[in-house]
Amino acid sequence: MSSKVDNNDPNLDGRSAERKEELNKQIKEQKVAVDELSNLKKDRKVYVQQRNSNILFLADRGQTLSSCKSQQGQDLTG
């Protein structure tokens, strides 16, 4: 029993294109977030949204910026 992938499946190309489009969208969003955080004044408050929730928490601007930059790097390599 082989787990060979059928490269002739037209749905495979469509799913791949959708995934690539979604990743490009996430990368663009990450770049905008980094730019916005980089241009904030040092004393501005930053809130981070809890994942899968509508709850926001006060966060340190510098830590949030570095977190976004590291996430951006992971998106580009992953």
N, C-alpha and C. Protein backbone atom coordinates (compact mmCIF):
# COMPACT_ATOMS: atom_id res chain seq x y z
N MET A 1 0.83 -1.18 0.00
CA MET A 1 0.00 0.00 0.00
C MET A 1 0.87 1.24 0.00
N SER A 2 0.82 1.94 -1.06
CA SER A 2 1.63 3.13 -1.22
C SER A 2 0.81 4.38 -0.91
N SER A 3 1.45 5.36 -0.30
CA SER A 3 0.77 6.63 -0.01
C SER A 3 1.21 7.66 -1.05
N LYS A 4 1.18 7.26 -2.29
CA LYS A 4 1.60 8.10 -3.39
C LYS A 4 0.59 9.21 -3.63
N VAL A 5 1.07 10.43 -3.84
CA VAL A 5 0.20 11.58 -4.09
C VAL A 5 -0.08 11.65 -5.57
N ASP A 6 -1.35 11.84 -5.92
CA ASP A 6 -1.76 11.97 -7.31
C ASP A 6 -1.56 13.40 -7.76
N ASN A 7 -0.50 13.65 -8.53
CA ASN A 7 -0.19 15.01 -8.98
C ASN A 7 -1.12 15.48 -10.09
N ASN A 8 -1.93 14.59 -10.62
CA ASN A 8 -2.86 14.97 -11.68
C ASN A 8 -4.20 15.42 -11.13
N ASP A 9 -4.37 15.42 -9.82
CA ASP A 9 -5.62 15.82 -9.19
C ASP A 9 -5.77 17.34 -9.31
N PRO A 10 -6.80 17.84 -10.04
CA PRO A 10 -6.96 19.29 -10.20
C PRO A 10 -7.29 20.00 -8.90
N ASN A 11 -7.90 19.31 -7.94
CA ASN A 11 -8.22 19.93 -6.65
C ASN A 11 -6.97 20.22 -5.84
N LEU A 12 -5.92 19.42 -6.06
CA LEU A 12 -4.66 19.61 -5.34
C LEU A 12 -4.06 20.97 -5.67
N ASP A 13 -4.07 21.34 -6.95
CA ASP A 13 -3.52 22.64 -7.36
C ASP A 13 -4.35 23.78 -6.78
N GLY A 14 -5.65 23.63 -6.73
CA GLY A 14 -6.52 24.66 -6.18
C GLY A 14 -6.29 24.86 -4.70
N ARG A 15 -6.15 23.76 -3.96
CA ARG A 15 -5.90 23.85 -2.52
C ARG A 15 -4.54 24.47 -2.26
N SER A 16 -3.57 24.12 -3.08
CA SER A 16 -2.23 24.67 -2.92
C SER A 16 -2.23 26.17 -3.18
N ALA A 17 -2.96 26.59 -4.19
CA ALA A 17 -3.04 28.02 -4.51
C ALA A 17 -3.76 28.77 -3.39
N GLU A 18 -4.82 28.18 -2.83
CA GLU A 18 -5.54 28.82 -1.73
C GLU A 18 -4.65 28.96 -0.51
N ARG A 19 -3.87 27.92 -0.22
CA ARG A 19 -2.97 27.94 0.94
C ARG A 19 -1.90 29.02 0.75
N LYS A 20 -1.36 29.09 -0.47
CA LYS A 20 -0.33 30.09 -0.76
C LYS A 20 -0.90 31.50 -0.63
N GLU A 21 -2.13 31.71 -1.10
CA GLU A 21 -2.78 33.01 -1.00
C GLU A 21 -3.01 33.38 0.46
N GLU A 22 -3.43 32.41 1.28
CA GLU A 22 -3.65 32.66 2.70
C GLU A 22 -2.34 33.01 3.41
N LEU A 23 -1.26 32.31 3.07
CA LEU A 23 0.04 32.62 3.68
C LEU A 23 0.52 34.01 3.28
N ASN A 24 0.33 34.38 2.02
CA ASN A 24 0.72 35.72 1.57
C ASN A 24 -0.07 36.78 2.31
N LYS A 25 -1.35 36.54 2.55
CA LYS A 25 -2.19 37.48 3.29
C LYS A 25 -1.68 37.63 4.73
N GLN A 26 -1.32 36.51 5.37
CA GLN A 26 -0.83 36.57 6.74
C GLN A 26 0.51 37.31 6.82
N ILE A 27 1.36 37.12 5.83
CA ILE A 27 2.66 37.80 5.80
C ILE A 27 2.45 39.31 5.66
N LYS A 28 1.53 39.72 4.78
CA LYS A 28 1.25 41.15 4.61
C LYS A 28 0.70 41.76 5.90
N GLU A 29 -0.19 41.04 6.58
CA GLU A 29 -0.75 41.53 7.84
C GLU A 29 0.35 41.69 8.87
N GLN A 30 1.28 40.74 8.91
CA GLN A 30 2.38 40.79 9.87
C GLN A 30 3.29 41.98 9.58
N LYS A 31 3.55 42.25 8.30
CA LYS A 31 4.39 43.39 7.94
C LYS A 31 3.73 44.70 8.36
N VAL A 32 2.41 44.81 8.18
CA VAL A 32 1.69 46.02 8.58
C VAL A 32 1.77 46.19 10.10
N ALA A 33 1.61 45.12 10.84
CA ALA A 33 1.67 45.19 12.30
C ALA A 33 3.05 45.66 12.75
N VAL A 34 4.11 45.13 12.16
CA VAL A 34 5.48 45.53 12.52
C VAL A 34 5.69 47.01 12.20
N ASP A 35 5.23 47.45 11.03
CA ASP A 35 5.38 48.86 10.65
C ASP A 35 4.63 49.77 11.62
N GLU A 36 3.41 49.40 11.96
CA GLU A 36 2.62 50.21 12.88
C GLU A 36 3.29 50.31 14.25
N LEU A 37 3.75 49.18 14.76
CA LEU A 37 4.41 49.18 16.07
C LEU A 37 5.72 49.96 16.04
N SER A 38 6.44 49.88 14.93
CA SER A 38 7.71 50.59 14.81
C SER A 38 7.53 52.10 14.81
N ASN A 39 6.39 52.56 14.31
CA ASN A 39 6.16 53.99 14.18
C ASN A 39 5.44 54.61 15.38
N LEU A 40 5.12 53.82 16.38
CA LEU A 40 4.47 54.35 17.58
C LEU A 40 5.47 55.09 18.46
N LYS A 41 4.98 56.11 19.17
CA LYS A 41 5.82 56.77 20.15
C LYS A 41 6.11 55.79 21.28
N LYS A 42 7.23 56.01 21.95
CA LYS A 42 7.68 55.08 23.01
C LYS A 42 6.68 54.94 24.15
N ASP A 43 5.94 56.01 24.45
CA ASP A 43 5.04 55.97 25.60
C ASP A 43 3.61 55.52 25.26
N ARG A 44 3.35 55.13 24.02
CA ARG A 44 2.00 54.71 23.62
C ARG A 44 1.66 53.34 24.20
N LYS A 45 0.40 53.17 24.54
CA LYS A 45 -0.06 51.89 25.07
C LYS A 45 -0.40 50.95 23.91
N VAL A 46 -0.11 49.69 24.12
CA VAL A 46 -0.38 48.67 23.11
C VAL A 46 -1.20 47.57 23.77
N TYR A 47 -2.20 47.12 23.07
CA TYR A 47 -3.03 46.02 23.57
C TYR A 47 -2.88 44.83 22.63
N VAL A 48 -2.79 43.65 23.22
CA VAL A 48 -2.66 42.42 22.45
C VAL A 48 -3.91 41.59 22.67
N GLN A 49 -4.47 41.08 21.57
CA GLN A 49 -5.68 40.27 21.67
C GLN A 49 -5.32 38.84 22.02
N GLN A 50 -6.05 38.31 22.99
CA GLN A 50 -5.87 36.91 23.37
C GLN A 50 -6.31 36.05 22.19
N ARG A 51 -5.51 35.06 21.85
CA ARG A 51 -5.82 34.20 20.71
C ARG A 51 -7.18 33.51 20.91
N ASN A 52 -7.96 33.45 19.85
CA ASN A 52 -9.29 32.83 19.85
C ASN A 52 -10.23 33.46 20.86
N SER A 53 -10.10 34.76 21.06
CA SER A 53 -10.93 35.44 22.04
C SER A 53 -11.06 36.91 21.66
N ASN A 54 -11.98 37.59 22.31
CA ASN A 54 -12.13 39.03 22.10
C ASN A 54 -11.54 39.82 23.25
N ILE A 55 -10.73 39.18 24.07
CA ILE A 55 -10.14 39.83 25.24
C ILE A 55 -8.81 40.46 24.86
N LEU A 56 -8.63 41.73 25.27
CA LEU A 56 -7.39 42.45 25.01
C LEU A 56 -6.64 42.68 26.31
N PHE A 57 -5.31 42.58 26.25
CA PHE A 57 -4.46 42.80 27.41
C PHE A 57 -3.45 43.88 27.11
N LEU A 58 -3.20 44.73 28.10
CA LEU A 58 -2.18 45.75 27.97
C LEU A 58 -0.82 45.06 27.86
N ALA A 59 -0.01 45.49 26.90
CA ALA A 59 1.28 44.83 26.67
C ALA A 59 2.37 45.89 26.49
N ASP A 60 3.59 45.48 26.64
CA ASP A 60 4.75 46.34 26.43
C ASP A 60 4.98 46.49 24.92
N ARG A 61 5.14 47.73 24.46
CA ARG A 61 5.31 47.98 23.03
C ARG A 61 6.55 47.29 22.48
N GLY A 62 7.65 47.36 23.21
CA GLY A 62 8.91 46.75 22.75
C GLY A 62 8.81 45.24 22.64
N GLN A 63 8.20 44.62 23.63
CA GLN A 63 8.05 43.16 23.59
C GLN A 63 7.10 42.74 22.47
N THR A 64 6.05 43.52 22.28
CA THR A 64 5.09 43.21 21.22
C THR A 64 5.75 43.34 19.85
N LEU A 65 6.56 44.37 19.68
CA LEU A 65 7.27 44.57 18.42
C LEU A 65 8.23 43.41 18.14
N SER A 66 8.99 43.02 19.14
CA SER A 66 9.94 41.92 18.93
C SER A 66 9.21 40.61 18.67
N SER A 67 8.08 40.42 19.32
CA SER A 67 7.27 39.23 19.09
C SER A 67 6.75 39.19 17.65
N CYS A 68 6.29 40.33 17.17
CA CYS A 68 5.79 40.40 15.79
C CYS A 68 6.91 40.17 14.78
N LYS A 69 8.08 40.73 15.07
CA LYS A 69 9.22 40.52 14.16
C LYS A 69 9.64 39.06 14.11
N SER A 70 9.64 38.39 15.27
CA SER A 70 10.02 36.97 15.28
C SER A 70 8.96 36.13 14.58
N GLN A 71 7.68 36.50 14.74
CA GLN A 71 6.60 35.79 14.05
C GLN A 71 6.72 35.98 12.55
N GLN A 72 7.11 37.19 12.13
CA GLN A 72 7.27 37.49 10.71
C GLN A 72 8.40 36.61 10.14
N GLY A 73 9.49 36.47 10.88
CA GLY A 73 10.59 35.62 10.43
C GLY A 73 10.18 34.16 10.30
N GLN A 74 9.34 33.69 11.24
CA GLN A 74 8.85 32.32 11.18
C GLN A 74 7.94 32.12 9.98
N ASP A 75 7.12 33.11 9.66
CA ASP A 75 6.23 33.01 8.51
C ASP A 75 7.01 32.89 7.22
N LEU A 76 8.11 33.62 7.14
CA LEU A 76 8.91 33.59 5.92
C LEU A 76 9.69 32.30 5.75
N THR A 77 10.09 31.69 6.87
CA THR A 77 10.87 30.45 6.78
C THR A 77 10.00 29.21 6.84
N GLY A 78 8.82 29.32 7.45
CA GLY A 78 7.97 28.16 7.66
C GLY A 78 6.97 28.05 6.59
